[in-house]
Amino acid sequence: MRTLLAAVDAARQKANQAGAHAGKAAVAATEMASLKTPQEIFIYFDADRSGVMELEEFEEVIKNMGLNMSRQRAMQIFAKADKDSNGVINMDEFEKAYEYLRAELTMQAMLELGLSTMAIVGALVGLMGFVGLIFVFIFFGISAFSGGSPFEGVVNSLMPLSSGAFAGNQSKVDPREKLEGAVKVVEDLLERLGESDN
């Protein structure tokens, strides 16, 4: 406990030296930044060194944490942390209250970023819908190659056409040469058919 008191007093002295030429808000920000644990914060804001924190001292903690909170909300958190309902909170109770304050600070930061609960849920639902559509597309693609449906016939006929168009765009062969080659292949097939009939 003495080491905590010494650390808090050192933080106060350092903050007062740093803030000698600055405003009160700058001093408070510097002081809060130097306090690392809930115990240090409790000791620092326990102005009368009574070992317990009253509501006014608790409100100072809230203000110095940068929380935008109504007095009613501060009283709710204070009452929630005050397990023995004696109107003050001790260090153990303050640790629980500090967890509530950190959660409030997180929620305020998320709201400032536009990340409300509804926005997050909406984004997750949209993402799940998109992933679902991808799976449906993949399922229909696979079923198109394995069934005997008219859809399969369309897909199977479009595949060679699209690959042929792609391959045709890749080559630098003159279209007349392709046509002449195709005519030769057809003539050869006709000759073979004619020979097999004889």
Protein backbone atom coordinates (compact mmCIF):
# COMPACT_ATOMS: atom_id res chain seq x y z
CA MET A 1 0.00 0.00 0.00
CA ARG A 2 2.85 2.37 0.79
CA THR A 3 4.42 1.75 -2.61
CA LEU A 4 1.11 2.62 -4.26
CA LEU A 5 0.89 5.83 -2.24
CA ALA A 6 4.46 6.70 -3.17
CA ALA A 7 3.76 6.02 -6.88
CA VAL A 8 0.65 8.19 -6.80
CA ASP A 9 2.44 11.03 -5.00
CA ALA A 10 5.26 10.83 -7.55
CA ALA A 11 2.70 10.99 -10.36
CA ARG A 12 1.09 14.06 -8.77
CA GLN A 13 4.44 15.84 -8.41
CA LYS A 14 5.44 14.99 -11.97
CA ALA A 15 2.09 16.16 -13.33
CA ASN A 16 2.24 19.40 -11.33
CA GLN A 17 5.74 20.11 -12.65
CA ALA A 18 4.68 19.34 -16.23
CA GLY A 19 1.53 21.41 -15.91
CA ALA A 20 2.99 24.47 -14.22
CA HIS A 21 2.57 26.45 -17.42
CA ALA A 22 -0.38 24.49 -18.82
CA GLY A 23 -4.07 24.65 -18.07
CA LYS A 24 -5.92 22.48 -15.56
CA ALA A 25 -7.16 20.06 -18.27
CA ALA A 26 -3.61 19.40 -19.46
CA VAL A 27 -2.52 18.67 -15.89
CA ALA A 28 -5.43 16.24 -15.37
CA ALA A 29 -4.68 14.47 -18.66
CA THR A 30 -1.01 14.13 -17.74
CA GLU A 31 -1.88 12.85 -14.27
CA MET A 32 -4.39 10.29 -15.57
CA ALA A 33 -1.90 9.03 -18.16
CA SER A 34 0.66 8.30 -15.45
CA LEU A 35 -1.78 6.21 -13.39
CA LYS A 36 -1.73 2.62 -14.61
CA THR A 37 -3.85 0.51 -12.28
CA PRO A 38 -7.29 0.94 -10.70
CA GLN A 39 -5.58 0.98 -7.28
CA GLU A 40 -3.39 3.94 -8.27
CA ILE A 41 -6.42 5.77 -9.66
CA PHE A 42 -8.38 5.06 -6.46
CA ILE A 43 -5.61 6.40 -4.24
CA TYR A 44 -5.07 9.44 -6.44
CA PHE A 45 -8.73 10.48 -6.44
CA ASP A 46 -9.32 9.65 -2.78
CA ALA A 47 -8.59 13.28 -1.95
CA ASP A 48 -9.20 13.01 1.79
CA ARG A 49 -7.19 9.76 2.08
CA SER A 50 -10.10 8.11 3.89
CA GLY A 51 -9.65 4.77 2.12
CA VAL A 52 -13.09 5.05 0.57
CA MET A 53 -14.39 7.02 -2.37
CA GLU A 54 -17.50 9.17 -2.23
CA LEU A 55 -19.71 9.93 -5.21
CA GLU A 56 -18.07 13.34 -5.82
CA GLU A 57 -14.62 11.74 -5.98
CA PHE A 58 -16.00 9.06 -8.28
CA GLU A 59 -17.42 11.75 -10.57
CA GLU A 60 -13.93 13.29 -10.74
CA VAL A 61 -12.61 9.94 -11.98
CA ILE A 62 -15.33 9.88 -14.64
CA LYS A 63 -14.57 13.43 -15.74
CA ASN A 64 -10.82 12.79 -15.93
CA MET A 65 -11.35 9.61 -17.95
CA GLY A 66 -13.03 11.78 -20.57
CA LEU A 67 -16.40 10.08 -20.23
CA ASN A 68 -19.46 12.03 -21.27
CA MET A 69 -21.86 10.70 -18.65
CA SER A 70 -24.89 12.09 -16.87
CA ARG A 71 -24.92 12.36 -13.08
CA GLN A 72 -27.73 9.78 -13.01
CA ARG A 73 -25.64 7.25 -14.95
CA ALA A 74 -22.65 7.94 -12.68
CA MET A 75 -24.88 7.31 -9.65
CA GLN A 76 -26.12 4.04 -11.19
CA ILE A 77 -22.58 2.76 -11.70
CA PHE A 78 -21.58 3.95 -8.24
CA ALA A 79 -24.57 2.17 -6.65
CA LYS A 80 -23.89 -0.98 -8.66
CA ALA A 81 -20.31 -1.06 -7.38
CA ASP A 82 -21.30 -0.25 -3.77
CA LYS A 83 -22.01 -3.84 -2.73
CA ASP A 84 -22.53 -3.10 0.97
CA SER A 85 -24.76 -0.07 0.21
CA ASN A 86 -22.99 2.23 2.65
CA GLY A 87 -22.80 5.20 0.25
CA VAL A 88 -19.05 4.92 -0.39
CA ILE A 89 -16.92 2.45 -2.31
CA ASN A 90 -13.71 0.90 -1.08
CA MET A 91 -10.79 -0.14 -3.27
CA ASP A 92 -12.22 -3.58 -4.08
CA GLU A 93 -15.56 -2.07 -5.04
CA PHE A 94 -13.79 0.58 -7.10
CA GLU A 95 -12.07 -2.11 -9.17
CA LYS A 96 -15.51 -3.37 -10.24
CA ALA A 97 -16.68 0.20 -10.89
CA TYR A 98 -13.55 0.79 -12.95
CA GLU A 99 -14.49 -2.19 -15.14
CA TYR A 100 -17.91 -0.60 -15.72
CA LEU A 101 -16.26 2.72 -16.58
CA ARG A 102 -13.91 1.02 -19.07
CA ALA A 103 -16.91 -0.64 -20.72
CA GLU A 104 -18.66 2.76 -20.94
CA LEU A 105 -15.52 4.29 -22.43
CA THR A 106 -15.36 1.51 -25.03
CA MET A 107 -19.02 2.01 -25.97
CA GLN A 108 -18.54 5.76 -26.33
CA ALA A 109 -15.50 5.23 -28.56
CA MET A 110 -17.43 2.77 -30.73
CA LEU A 111 -20.34 5.20 -31.08
CA GLU A 112 -17.95 8.01 -32.05
CA LEU A 113 -16.61 5.74 -34.79
CA GLY A 114 -20.16 4.99 -35.96
CA LEU A 115 -20.03 1.39 -34.79
CA SER A 116 -23.35 1.00 -33.04
CA THR A 117 -24.66 -2.44 -32.19
CA MET A 118 -27.18 -2.23 -35.03
CA ALA A 119 -24.47 -1.26 -37.54
CA ILE A 120 -22.32 -4.22 -36.51
CA VAL A 121 -25.27 -6.63 -36.63
CA GLY A 122 -26.28 -5.26 -40.04
CA ALA A 123 -22.76 -5.71 -41.39
CA LEU A 124 -22.60 -9.29 -40.07
CA VAL A 125 -26.00 -10.17 -41.53
CA GLY A 126 -24.97 -8.70 -44.90
CA LEU A 127 -21.69 -10.61 -44.83
CA MET A 128 -23.45 -13.88 -43.97
CA GLY A 129 -25.94 -13.29 -46.80
CA PHE A 130 -23.10 -12.67 -49.25
CA VAL A 131 -21.28 -15.84 -48.17
CA GLY A 132 -24.57 -17.75 -48.46
CA LEU A 133 -25.04 -16.51 -52.04
CA ILE A 134 -21.52 -17.63 -52.92
CA PHE A 135 -22.28 -21.13 -51.58
CA VAL A 136 -25.55 -21.25 -53.55
CA PHE A 137 -23.69 -20.21 -56.71
CA ILE A 138 -21.05 -22.91 -56.15
CA PHE A 139 -23.76 -25.52 -55.45
CA PHE A 140 -25.62 -24.70 -58.69
CA GLY A 141 -22.36 -24.73 -60.61
CA ILE A 142 -21.51 -28.20 -59.34
CA SER A 143 -25.01 -29.53 -59.89
CA ALA A 144 -24.98 -28.18 -63.46
CA PHE A 145 -22.19 -30.60 -64.36
CA SER A 146 -23.61 -33.63 -62.62
CA GLY A 147 -27.33 -33.69 -63.43
CA GLY A 148 -29.32 -34.41 -66.58
CA SER A 149 -31.32 -31.19 -66.54
CA PRO A 150 -31.79 -28.62 -69.32
CA PHE A 151 -29.71 -26.26 -67.22
CA GLU A 152 -26.81 -28.72 -67.52
CA GLY A 153 -27.17 -28.70 -71.29
CA VAL A 154 -27.03 -24.91 -71.41
CA VAL A 155 -23.99 -24.74 -69.14
CA ASN A 156 -22.21 -27.53 -70.99
CA SER A 157 -22.82 -25.83 -74.35
CA LEU A 158 -21.75 -22.42 -73.08
CA MET A 159 -18.49 -23.69 -71.63
CA PRO A 160 -16.87 -24.65 -74.99
CA LEU A 161 -18.19 -21.49 -76.60
CA SER A 162 -16.74 -19.23 -73.94
CA SER A 163 -13.43 -21.09 -73.85
CA GLY A 164 -13.29 -21.05 -77.64
CA ALA A 165 -13.95 -17.30 -77.67
CA PHE A 166 -11.25 -16.82 -75.06
CA ALA A 167 -8.78 -18.97 -76.99
CA GLY A 168 -9.72 -17.19 -80.21
CA ASN A 169 -8.89 -13.83 -78.68
CA GLN A 170 -5.51 -15.11 -77.56
CA SER A 171 -4.20 -16.28 -80.93
CA LYS A 172 -2.89 -13.99 -83.67
CA VAL A 173 -3.89 -16.25 -86.56
CA ASP A 174 -5.68 -14.71 -89.53
CA PRO A 175 -9.42 -15.65 -89.58
CA ARG A 176 -9.15 -16.66 -93.28
CA GLU A 177 -6.55 -19.26 -92.36
CA LYS A 178 -8.86 -20.62 -89.67
CA LEU A 179 -11.72 -20.81 -92.16
CA GLU A 180 -9.57 -22.60 -94.73
CA GLY A 181 -8.42 -25.05 -92.07
CA ALA A 182 -12.02 -25.72 -91.01
CA VAL A 183 -13.06 -26.26 -94.66
CA LYS A 184 -10.24 -28.81 -95.11
CA VAL A 185 -11.31 -30.67 -91.98
CA VAL A 186 -14.94 -30.81 -93.20
CA GLU A 187 -13.83 -31.98 -96.70
CA ASP A 188 -11.66 -34.70 -95.16
CA LEU A 189 -14.58 -35.86 -93.02
CA LEU A 190 -16.88 -35.93 -96.05
CA GLU A 191 -14.33 -37.97 -98.03
CA ARG A 192 -14.02 -40.49 -95.19
CA LEU A 193 -17.79 -40.75 -94.95
CA GLY A 194 -17.99 -41.28 -98.70
CA GLU A 195 -15.35 -44.01 -98.58
CA SER A 196 -17.05 -45.79 -95.69
CA ASP A 197 -20.34 -45.91 -97.66
CA ASN A 198 -18.65 -47.76 -100.54
